[in-house]
C-alpha atoms as a PDB file:
ATOM      1  CA  MET A   1    -128.060 -38.629 -70.552  1.00  0.00           C
ATOM      2  CA  LYS A   2    -125.580 -39.416 -67.521  1.00  0.00           C
ATOM      3  CA  SER A   3    -125.664 -38.214 -63.791  1.00  0.00           C
ATOM      4  CA  LYS A   4    -123.533 -35.121 -63.689  1.00  0.00           C
ATOM      5  CA  VAL A   5    -122.294 -36.023 -59.844  1.00  0.00           C
ATOM      6  CA  HIS A   6    -123.004 -38.837 -57.915  1.00  0.00           C
ATOM      7  CA  TYR A   7    -124.453 -38.551 -54.540  1.00  0.00           C
ATOM      8  CA  ALA A   8    -124.021 -41.263 -51.988  1.00  0.00           C
ATOM      9  CA  PRO A   9    -128.368 -41.023 -50.637  1.00  0.00           C
ATOM     10  CA  VAL A  10    -130.758 -40.238 -52.300  1.00  0.00           C
ATOM     11  CA  SER A  11    -131.733 -37.526 -49.672  1.00  0.00           C
ATOM     12  CA  GLU A  12    -127.624 -35.883 -50.686  1.00  0.00           C
ATOM     13  CA  ALA A  13    -129.517 -35.300 -54.430  1.00  0.00           C
ATOM     14  CA  LEU A  14    -133.088 -34.620 -52.922  1.00  0.00           C
ATOM     15  CA  ASN A  15    -131.387 -31.768 -51.323  1.00  0.00           C
ATOM     16  CA  LYS A  16    -128.691 -30.297 -53.375  1.00  0.00           C
ATOM     17  CA  LEU A  17    -130.904 -30.377 -56.737  1.00  0.00           C
ATOM     18  CA  HIS A  18    -133.691 -28.715 -54.411  1.00  0.00           C
ATOM     19  CA  THR A  19    -130.688 -25.938 -54.510  1.00  0.00           C
ATOM     20  CA  LYS A  20    -130.814 -25.796 -57.909  1.00  0.00           C
ATOM     21  CA  GLY A  21    -134.138 -25.048 -58.238  1.00  0.00           C
ATOM     22  CA  PHE A  22    -134.992 -28.260 -58.275  1.00  0.00           C
ATOM     23  CA  ILE A  23    -138.678 -27.509 -55.598  1.00  0.00           C
ATOM     24  CA  ILE A  24    -141.094 -29.796 -57.507  1.00  0.00           C
ATOM     25  CA  ASP A  25    -141.299 -33.813 -56.195  1.00  0.00           C
ATOM     26  CA  PHE A  26    -143.670 -34.953 -58.589  1.00  0.00           C
ATOM     27  CA  ASN A  27    -145.502 -38.137 -58.579  1.00  0.00           C
ATOM     28  CA  LEU A  28    -147.382 -40.139 -61.757  1.00  0.00           C
ATOM     29  CA  GLU A  29    -151.190 -39.908 -61.716  1.00  0.00           C
ATOM     30  CA  GLU A  30    -152.241 -41.575 -65.431  1.00  0.00           C
ATOM     31  CA  ASN A  31    -150.047 -39.863 -67.651  1.00  0.00           C
ATOM     32  CA  ILE A  32    -149.401 -37.055 -66.411  1.00  0.00           C
ATOM     33  CA  MET A  33    -146.811 -35.969 -63.658  1.00  0.00           C
ATOM     34  CA  GLY A  34    -148.900 -34.126 -60.269  1.00  0.00           C
ATOM     35  CA  PHE A  35    -148.101 -32.362 -57.164  1.00  0.00           C
ATOM     36  CA  LYS A  36    -149.924 -30.998 -54.321  1.00  0.00           C
ATOM     37  CA  THR A  37    -151.572 -28.477 -56.544  1.00  0.00           C
ATOM     38  CA  GLY A  38    -151.030 -28.165 -60.526  1.00  0.00           C
ATOM     39  CA  LYS A  39    -150.792 -30.975 -62.899  1.00  0.00           C
ATOM     40  CA  TYR A  40    -148.750 -30.942 -66.279  1.00  0.00           C
ATOM     41  CA  ASN A  41    -148.194 -32.794 -69.263  1.00  0.00           C
ATOM     42  CA  PRO A  42    -144.880 -35.183 -69.101  1.00  0.00           C
ATOM     43  CA  ALA A  43    -143.928 -33.751 -73.367  1.00  0.00           C
ATOM     44  CA  ASP A  44    -143.534 -30.754 -71.546  1.00  0.00           C
ATOM     45  CA  PHE A  45    -141.258 -31.797 -69.561  1.00  0.00           C
ATOM     46  CA  GLU A  46    -137.084 -32.659 -70.025  1.00  0.00           C
ATOM     47  CA  ILE A  47    -135.014 -35.239 -68.267  1.00  0.00           C
ATOM     48  CA  VAL A  48    -131.728 -32.288 -66.989  1.00  0.00           C
ATOM     49  CA  ASP A  49    -130.203 -34.921 -65.183  1.00  0.00           C
ATOM     50  CA  THR A  50    -130.392 -38.366 -63.526  1.00  0.00           C
ATOM     51  CA  TYR A  51    -129.054 -40.395 -60.451  1.00  0.00           C
ATOM     52  CA  ARG A  52    -129.666 -44.075 -60.107  1.00  0.00           C
ATOM     53  CA  TYR A  53    -129.514 -45.991 -56.234  1.00  0.00           C
ATOM     54  CA  GLU A  54    -128.563 -49.380 -55.802  1.00  0.00           C
ATOM     55  CA  GLY A  55    -130.047 -51.082 -52.596  1.00  0.00           C
ATOM     56  CA  ASP A  56    -126.944 -53.281 -51.345  1.00  0.00           C
ATOM     57  CA  SER A  57    -129.220 -55.452 -49.554  1.00  0.00           C
ATOM     58  CA  ASP A  58    -132.565 -54.810 -50.417  1.00  0.00           C
ATOM     59  CA  PRO A  59    -133.825 -54.845 -54.500  1.00  0.00           C
ATOM     60  CA  GLY A  60    -136.973 -52.636 -52.748  1.00  0.00           C
ATOM     61  CA  ASP A  61    -134.312 -49.854 -52.603  1.00  0.00           C
ATOM     62  CA  GLU A  62    -132.828 -49.648 -55.780  1.00  0.00           C
ATOM     63  CA  ALA A  63    -134.354 -46.287 -57.181  1.00  0.00           C
ATOM     64  CA  THR A  64    -133.829 -43.377 -59.632  1.00  0.00           C
ATOM     65  CA  VAL A  65    -133.801 -40.410 -58.846  1.00  0.00           C
ATOM     66  CA  TYR A  66    -134.928 -37.701 -62.309  1.00  0.00           C
ATOM     67  CA  ALA A  67    -133.938 -33.595 -61.776  1.00  0.00           C
ATOM     68  CA  LEU A  68    -137.291 -32.296 -64.419  1.00  0.00           C
ATOM     69  CA  GLU A  69    -137.692 -28.857 -66.637  1.00  0.00           C
ATOM     70  CA  SER A  70    -140.523 -27.564 -69.308  1.00  0.00           C
ATOM     71  CA  LYS A  71    -139.740 -25.511 -71.258  1.00  0.00           C
ATOM     72  CA  LYS A  72    -141.072 -22.646 -69.296  1.00  0.00           C
ATOM     73  CA  GLY A  73    -138.927 -23.236 -66.914  1.00  0.00           C
ATOM     74  CA  ILE A  74    -140.355 -25.224 -64.278  1.00  0.00           C
ATOM     75  CA  LYS A  75    -138.282 -27.319 -61.900  1.00  0.00           C
ATOM     76  CA  GLY A  76    -138.646 -30.806 -60.197  1.00  0.00           C
ATOM     77  CA  VAL A  77    -137.362 -34.430 -58.957  1.00  0.00           C
ATOM     78  CA  LEU A  78    -139.187 -37.242 -60.109  1.00  0.00           C
ATOM     79  CA  VAL A  79    -138.327 -40.570 -57.375  1.00  0.00           C
ATOM     80  CA  SER A  80    -139.358 -43.648 -58.946  1.00  0.00           C
ATOM     81  CA  GLY A  81    -137.942 -46.910 -58.384  1.00  0.00           C
ATOM     82  CA  TYR A  82    -136.875 -49.779 -60.210  1.00  0.00           C
ATOM     83  CA  GLY A  83    -136.408 -52.989 -60.712  1.00  0.00           C
ATOM     84  CA  PHE A  84    -138.427 -55.231 -58.756  1.00  0.00           C
ATOM     85  CA  SER A  85    -139.992 -51.861 -57.683  1.00  0.00           C
ATOM     86  CA  SER A  86    -141.257 -50.092 -60.863  1.00  0.00           C
ATOM     87  CA  ASP A  87    -144.003 -50.054 -62.642  1.00  0.00           C
ATOM     88  CA  MET A  88    -145.517 -50.304 -65.967  1.00  0.00           C
ATOM     89  CA  ASP A  89    -146.559 -46.759 -65.773  1.00  0.00           C
ATOM     90  CA  THR A  90    -143.808 -45.430 -65.370  1.00  0.00           C
ATOM     91  CA  GLU A  91    -141.597 -46.676 -67.233  1.00  0.00           C
ATOM     92  CA  GLU A  92    -144.214 -46.460 -70.278  1.00  0.00           C
ATOM     93  CA  LEU A  93    -143.923 -42.449 -69.141  1.00  0.00           C
ATOM     94  CA  LEU A  94    -140.281 -42.579 -68.749  1.00  0.00           C
ATOM     95  CA  LYS A  95    -139.339 -43.685 -72.137  1.00  0.00           C
ATOM     96  CA  LYS A  96    -141.800 -40.540 -73.354  1.00  0.00           C
ATOM     97  CA  LEU A  97    -139.804 -37.421 -71.569  1.00  0.00           C
ATOM     98  CA  ARG A  98    -136.301 -39.738 -71.853  1.00  0.00           C
ATOM     99  CA  ASN A  99    -137.206 -39.964 -75.576  1.00  0.00           C
ATOM    100  CA  LYS A 100    -137.214 -35.724 -75.758  1.00  0.00           C
ATOM    101  CA  LYS A 101    -133.559 -35.437 -75.082  1.00  0.00           C
ATOM    102  CA  ALA A 102    -132.659 -37.523 -77.571  1.00  0.00           C
END
């Protein structure tokens, strides 16, 4: 899995993905992906693209933007910290998503 395009700041990646239909902002909640009005099973989604950012001066600025799409065509993004700011629950769930592309 590799990035097709690398946008300078995270906000630019989110804006460009939004114009491509990735309009849902997912959050991870106890092994499910949720957003304001619903919850989804991660097994129904694949990672379409990934954008990784490293903070120049602050490790807390490290983040990864995942473009996700379901089998039914639902598109959204998930922004996750990595390195210093990552957590085990997020990492485990993302491994399940990554394995869908393998």
